[in-house]
């Protein structure tokens, strides 16, 4: 059985942007789980709200 994502849509998390995706979105990780955060830069420390959770990654926005 596959483990579920460590984040939930609607929840907020304090994260640090570690990398940039090809599309330019910032990449944060929660328990190793990748979260794409638009309009962020590497090194940003932000509070995010998860908007959509997929099987291997999630999308979030800065709050």
PDB file of N, CA and C in Angstrom:
ATOM      1  N   UNK A   1       0.842  -1.193   0.000  1.00  0.00           N
ATOM      2  CA  UNK A   1       0.000   0.000   0.000  1.00  0.00           C
ATOM      3  C   UNK A   1       0.880   1.247   0.000  1.00  0.00           C
ATOM      4  N   UNK A   2       0.455   2.252  -0.743  1.00  0.00           N
ATOM      5  CA  UNK A   2       1.240   3.457  -0.885  1.00  0.00           C
ATOM      6  C   UNK A   2       0.967   4.429   0.258  1.00  0.00           C
ATOM      7  N   UNK A   3       2.005   5.063   0.747  1.00  0.00           N
ATOM      8  CA  UNK A   3       1.836   6.043   1.815  1.00  0.00           C
ATOM      9  C   UNK A   3       1.119   7.270   1.254  1.00  0.00           C
ATOM     10  N   UNK A   4       0.296   7.878   2.085  1.00  0.00           N
ATOM     11  CA  UNK A   4      -0.386   9.080   1.624  1.00  0.00           C
ATOM     12  C   UNK A   4       0.551  10.278   1.764  1.00  0.00           C
ATOM     13  N   UNK A   5       0.202  11.371   1.123  1.00  0.00           N
ATOM     14  CA  UNK A   5       1.010  12.587   1.173  1.00  0.00           C
ATOM     15  C   UNK A   5       1.050  13.121   2.599  1.00  0.00           C
ATOM     16  N   UNK A   6       2.196  13.703   2.994  1.00  0.00           N
ATOM     17  CA  UNK A   6       2.319  14.247   4.357  1.00  0.00           C
ATOM     18  C   UNK A   6       1.692  15.629   4.513  1.00  0.00           C
ATOM     19  N   UNK A   7       1.053  16.128   3.450  1.00  0.00           N
ATOM     20  CA  UNK A   7       0.382  17.431   3.514  1.00  0.00           C
ATOM     21  C   UNK A   7      -1.073  17.273   3.089  1.00  0.00           C
ATOM     22  N   UNK A   8      -1.896  18.235   3.496  1.00  0.00           N
ATOM     23  CA  UNK A   8      -3.313  18.199   3.143  1.00  0.00           C
ATOM     24  C   UNK A   8      -3.723  19.518   2.526  1.00  0.00           C
ATOM     25  N   UNK A   9      -4.588  19.465   1.528  1.00  0.00           N
ATOM     26  CA  UNK A   9      -5.115  20.690   0.920  1.00  0.00           C
ATOM     27  C   UNK A   9      -5.817  21.522   1.990  1.00  0.00           C
ATOM     28  N   UNK A  10      -5.550  22.824   1.958  1.00  0.00           N
ATOM     29  CA  UNK A  10      -6.172  23.727   2.927  1.00  0.00           C
ATOM     30  C   UNK A  10      -5.311  23.978   4.148  1.00  0.00           C
ATOM     31  N   UNK A  11      -4.306  23.132   4.374  1.00  0.00           N
ATOM     32  CA  UNK A  11      -3.419  23.295   5.530  1.00  0.00           C
ATOM     33  C   UNK A  11      -2.299  24.279   5.193  1.00  0.00           C
ATOM     34  N   UNK A  12      -1.771  24.937   6.230  1.00  0.00           N
ATOM     35  CA  UNK A  12      -0.649  25.853   6.031  1.00  0.00           C
ATOM     36  C   UNK A  12       0.614  25.267   6.646  1.00  0.00           C
ATOM     37  N   UNK A  13       1.761  25.616   6.054  1.00  0.00           N
ATOM     38  CA  UNK A  13       3.059  25.119   6.500  1.00  0.00           C
ATOM     39  C   UNK A  13       4.087  26.233   6.351  1.00  0.00           C
ATOM     40  N   UNK A  14       5.060  26.266   7.264  1.00  0.00           N
ATOM     41  CA  UNK A  14       6.196  27.174   7.130  1.00  0.00           C
ATOM     42  C   UNK A  14       7.301  26.410   6.427  1.00  0.00           C
ATOM     43  N   UNK A  15       7.737  26.918   5.284  1.00  0.00           N
ATOM     44  CA  UNK A  15       8.715  26.201   4.466  1.00  0.00           C
ATOM     45  C   UNK A  15       9.809  27.143   3.985  1.00  0.00           C
ATOM     46  N   UNK A  16      10.890  26.534   3.506  1.00  0.00           N
ATOM     47  CA  UNK A  16      11.947  27.281   2.838  1.00  0.00           C
ATOM     48  C   UNK A  16      12.013  26.788   1.399  1.00  0.00           C
ATOM     49  N   UNK A  17      12.079  27.726   0.455  1.00  0.00           N
ATOM     50  CA  UNK A  17      12.162  27.362  -0.957  1.00  0.00           C
ATOM     51  C   UNK A  17      13.586  26.880  -1.235  1.00  0.00           C
ATOM     52  N   UNK A  18      13.713  25.636  -1.696  1.00  0.00           N
ATOM     53  CA  UNK A  18      15.018  25.001  -1.847  1.00  0.00           C
ATOM     54  C   UNK A  18      15.531  24.980  -3.272  1.00  0.00           C
ATOM     55  N   UNK A  19      14.619  25.110  -4.237  1.00  0.00           N
ATOM     56  CA  UNK A  19      14.995  24.903  -5.632  1.00  0.00           C
ATOM     57  C   UNK A  19      13.967  25.587  -6.517  1.00  0.00           C
ATOM     58  N   UNK A  20      14.263  25.647  -7.823  1.00  0.00           N
ATOM     59  CA  UNK A  20      13.297  26.180  -8.774  1.00  0.00           C
ATOM     60  C   UNK A  20      12.958  25.123  -9.808  1.00  0.00           C
ATOM     61  N   UNK A  21      11.677  25.022 -10.132  1.00  0.00           N
ATOM     62  CA  UNK A  21      11.222  24.106 -11.179  1.00  0.00           C
ATOM     63  C   UNK A  21      11.499  24.739 -12.540  1.00  0.00           C
ATOM     64  N   UNK A  22      11.448  23.937 -13.581  1.00  0.00           N
ATOM     65  CA  UNK A  22      11.655  24.445 -14.942  1.00  0.00           C
ATOM     66  C   UNK A  22      10.715  25.594 -15.274  1.00  0.00           C
ATOM     67  N   UNK A  23       9.488  25.514 -14.776  1.00  0.00           N
ATOM     68  CA  UNK A  23       8.484  26.546 -15.069  1.00  0.00           C
ATOM     69  C   UNK A  23       8.721  27.809 -14.254  1.00  0.00           C
ATOM     70  N   UNK A  24       9.681  27.758 -13.312  1.00  0.00           N
ATOM     71  CA  UNK A  24       9.990  28.927 -12.500  1.00  0.00           C
ATOM     72  C   UNK A  24       9.348  28.929 -11.128  1.00  0.00           C
ATOM     73  N   UNK A  25       8.488  27.944 -10.848  1.00  0.00           N
ATOM     74  CA  UNK A  25       7.883  27.853  -9.517  1.00  0.00           C
ATOM     75  C   UNK A  25       8.941  27.449  -8.499  1.00  0.00           C
ATOM     76  N   UNK A  26       8.824  27.983  -7.284  1.00  0.00           N
ATOM     77  CA  UNK A  26       9.701  27.553  -6.208  1.00  0.00           C
ATOM     78  C   UNK A  26       9.332  26.142  -5.780  1.00  0.00           C
ATOM     79  N   UNK A  27      10.328  25.416  -5.269  1.00  0.00           N
ATOM     80  CA  UNK A  27      10.089  24.058  -4.773  1.00  0.00           C
ATOM     81  C   UNK A  27      10.418  24.026  -3.283  1.00  0.00           C
ATOM     82  N   UNK A  28       9.431  23.643  -2.487  1.00  0.00           N
ATOM     83  CA  UNK A  28       9.618  23.434  -1.056  1.00  0.00           C
ATOM     84  C   UNK A  28       9.384  21.956  -0.784  1.00  0.00           C
ATOM     85  N   UNK A  29       9.843  21.495   0.372  1.00  0.00           N
ATOM     86  CA  UNK A  29       9.592  20.099   0.742  1.00  0.00           C
ATOM     87  C   UNK A  29       9.082  20.030   2.178  1.00  0.00           C
ATOM     88  N   UNK A  30       8.088  19.183   2.387  1.00  0.00           N
ATOM     89  CA  UNK A  30       7.591  18.869   3.726  1.00  0.00           C
ATOM     90  C   UNK A  30       7.742  17.369   3.883  1.00  0.00           C
ATOM     91  N   UNK A  31       8.586  16.938   4.801  1.00  0.00           N
ATOM     92  CA  UNK A  31       8.897  15.515   4.992  1.00  0.00           C
ATOM     93  C   UNK A  31       9.346  14.875   3.679  1.00  0.00           C
ATOM     94  N   UNK A  32      10.109  15.630   2.874  1.00  0.00           N
ATOM     95  CA  UNK A  32      10.621  15.124   1.613  1.00  0.00           C
ATOM     96  C   UNK A  32       9.641  15.197   0.457  1.00  0.00           C
ATOM     97  N   UNK A  33       8.401  15.578   0.745  1.00  0.00           N
ATOM     98  CA  UNK A  33       7.347  15.651  -0.276  1.00  0.00           C
ATOM     99  C   UNK A  33       7.441  16.994  -0.997  1.00  0.00           C
ATOM    100  N   UNK A  34       7.492  16.965  -2.329  1.00  0.00           N
ATOM    101  CA  UNK A  34       7.696  18.181  -3.122  1.00  0.00           C
ATOM    102  C   UNK A  34       6.412  19.002  -3.225  1.00  0.00           C
ATOM    103  N   UNK A  35       6.561  20.312  -2.992  1.00  0.00           N
ATOM    104  CA  UNK A  35       5.447  21.242  -3.119  1.00  0.00           C
ATOM    105  C   UNK A  35       5.894  22.394  -4.017  1.00  0.00           C
ATOM    106  N   UNK A  36       5.129  22.639  -5.082  1.00  0.00           N
ATOM    107  CA  UNK A  36       5.437  23.733  -5.997  1.00  0.00           C
ATOM    108  C   UNK A  36       4.747  25.003  -5.518  1.00  0.00           C
ATOM    109  N   UNK A  37       5.533  26.089  -5.407  1.00  0.00           N
ATOM    110  CA  UNK A  37       5.008  27.360  -4.896  1.00  0.00           C
ATOM    111  C   UNK A  37       5.344  28.479  -5.885  1.00  0.00           C
ATOM    112  N   UNK A  38       4.350  28.952  -6.663  1.00  0.00           N
ATOM    113  CA  UNK A  38       4.623  30.017  -7.637  1.00  0.00           C
ATOM    114  C   UNK A  38       5.059  31.320  -6.964  1.00  0.00           C
ATOM    115  N   UNK A  39       5.774  32.146  -7.728  1.00  0.00           N
ATOM    116  CA  UNK A  39       6.167  33.486  -7.298  1.00  0.00           C
ATOM    117  C   UNK A  39       7.037  33.482  -6.052  1.00  0.00           C
ATOM    118  N   UNK A  40       7.929  32.497  -5.964  1.00  0.00           N
ATOM    119  CA  UNK A  40       8.898  32.460  -4.874  1.00  0.00           C
ATOM    120  C   UNK A  40      10.287  32.252  -5.470  1.00  0.00           C
ATOM    121  N   UNK A  41      11.306  32.521  -4.657  1.00  0.00           N
ATOM    122  CA  UNK A  41      12.694  32.365  -5.080  1.00  0.00           C
ATOM    123  C   UNK A  41      13.428  31.459  -4.105  1.00  0.00           C
ATOM    124  N   UNK A  42      14.528  30.875  -4.574  1.00  0.00           N
ATOM    125  CA  UNK A  42      15.343  30.019  -3.714  1.00  0.00           C
ATOM    126  C   UNK A  42      15.780  30.828  -2.490  1.00  0.00           C
ATOM    127  N   UNK A  43      15.632  30.222  -1.313  1.00  0.00           N
ATOM    128  CA  UNK A  43      16.025  30.877  -0.075  1.00  0.00           C
ATOM    129  C   UNK A  43      14.879  31.567   0.643  1.00  0.00           C
ATOM    130  N   UNK A  44      13.763  31.777  -0.050  1.00  0.00           N
ATOM    131  CA  UNK A  44      12.607  32.405   0.606  1.00  0.00           C
ATOM    132  C   UNK A  44      12.103  31.509   1.735  1.00  0.00           C
ATOM    133  N   UNK A  45      11.792  32.123   2.870  1.00  0.00           N
ATOM    134  CA  UNK A  45      11.142  31.396   3.962  1.00  0.00           C
ATOM    135  C   UNK A  45       9.735  31.950   4.045  1.00  0.00           C
ATOM    136  N   UNK A  46       8.759  31.108   3.705  1.00  0.00           N
ATOM    137  CA  UNK A  46       7.386  31.578   3.545  1.00  0.00           C
ATOM    138  C   UNK A  46       6.395  30.643   4.231  1.00  0.00           C
ATOM    139  N   UNK A  47       5.220  31.183   4.506  1.00  0.00           N
ATOM    140  CA  UNK A  47       4.097  30.364   4.958  1.00  0.00           C
ATOM    141  C   UNK A  47       3.253  30.093   3.732  1.00  0.00           C
ATOM    142  N   UNK A  48       2.975  28.818   3.499  1.00  0.00           N
ATOM    143  CA  UNK A  48       2.204  28.438   2.315  1.00  0.00           C
ATOM    144  C   UNK A  48       0.904  27.772   2.726  1.00  0.00           C
ATOM    145  N   UNK A  49      -0.069  27.832   1.819  1.00  0.00           N
ATOM    146  CA  UNK A  49      -1.325  27.093   1.991  1.00  0.00           C
ATOM    147  C   UNK A  49      -1.423  26.134   0.814  1.00  0.00           C
ATOM    148  N   UNK A  50      -1.557  24.852   1.116  1.00  0.00           N
ATOM    149  CA  UNK A  50      -1.625  23.832   0.067  1.00  0.00           C
ATOM    150  C   UNK A  50      -2.969  23.943  -0.644  1.00  0.00           C
ATOM    151  N   UNK A  51      -2.905  24.022  -1.988  1.00  0.00           N
ATOM    152  CA  UNK A  51      -4.136  24.182  -2.769  1.00  0.00           C
ATOM    153  C   UNK A  51      -4.563  22.891  -3.452  1.00  0.00           C
ATOM    154  N   UNK A  52      -3.583  22.041  -3.803  1.00  0.00           N
ATOM    155  CA  UNK A  52      -3.921  20.791  -4.502  1.00  0.00           C
ATOM    156  C   UNK A  52      -2.856  19.750  -4.189  1.00  0.00           C
ATOM    157  N   UNK A  53      -3.278  18.555  -3.817  1.00  0.00           N
ATOM    158  CA  UNK A  53      -2.352  17.471  -3.504  1.00  0.00           C
ATOM    159  C   UNK A  53      -2.494  16.371  -4.543  1.00  0.00           C
ATOM    160  N   UNK A  54      -1.372  16.035  -5.179  1.00  0.00           N
ATOM    161  CA  UNK A  54      -1.333  14.943  -6.146  1.00  0.00           C
ATOM    162  C   UNK A  54      -0.634  13.752  -5.475  1.00  0.00           C
ATOM    163  N   UNK A  55      -0.423  12.691  -6.243  1.00  0.00           N
ATOM    164  CA  UNK A  55       0.183  11.492  -5.651  1.00  0.00           C
ATOM    165  C   UNK A  55       1.642  11.724  -5.256  1.00  0.00           C
ATOM    166  N   UNK A  56       2.396  12.432  -6.105  1.00  0.00           N
ATOM    167  CA  UNK A  56       3.827  12.584  -5.859  1.00  0.00           C
ATOM    168  C   UNK A  56       4.256  14.005  -5.521  1.00  0.00           C
ATOM    169  N   UNK A  57       3.352  14.960  -5.607  1.00  0.00           N
ATOM    170  CA  UNK A  57       3.700  16.342  -5.317  1.00  0.00           C
ATOM    171  C   UNK A  57       2.425  17.131  -5.034  1.00  0.00           C
ATOM    172  N   UNK A  58       2.612  18.387  -4.620  1.00  0.00           N
ATOM    173  CA  UNK A  58       1.461  19.239  -4.318  1.00  0.00           C
ATOM    174  C   UNK A  58       1.727  20.645  -4.849  1.00  0.00           C
ATOM    175  N   UNK A  59       0.663  21.441  -4.887  1.00  0.00           N
ATOM    176  CA  UNK A  59       0.767  22.846  -5.259  1.00  0.00           C
ATOM    177  C   UNK A  59       0.304  23.674  -4.068  1.00  0.00           C
ATOM    178  N   UNK A  60       0.929  24.854  -3.901  1.00  0.00           N
ATOM    179  CA  UNK A  60       0.546  25.715  -2.781  1.00  0.00           C
ATOM    180  C   UNK A  60       0.710  27.173  -3.201  1.00  0.00           C
ATOM    181  N   UNK A  61       0.138  28.060  -2.384  1.00  0.00           N
ATOM    182  CA  UNK A  61       0.311  29.502  -2.600  1.00  0.00           C
ATOM    183  C   UNK A  61       0.820  30.124  -1.320  1.00  0.00           C
ATOM    184  N   UNK A  62       1.520  31.237  -1.476  1.00  0.00           N
ATOM    185  CA  UNK A  62       2.002  31.969  -0.304  1.00  0.00           C
ATOM    186  C   UNK A  62       0.823  32.663   0.347  1.00  0.00           C
ATOM    187  N   UNK A  63       0.759  32.591   1.663  1.00  0.00           N
ATOM    188  CA  UNK A  63      -0.344  33.281   2.375  1.00  0.00           C
ATOM    189  C   UNK A  63       0.168  34.551   3.046  1.00  0.00           C
TER     190      UNK A  63
END
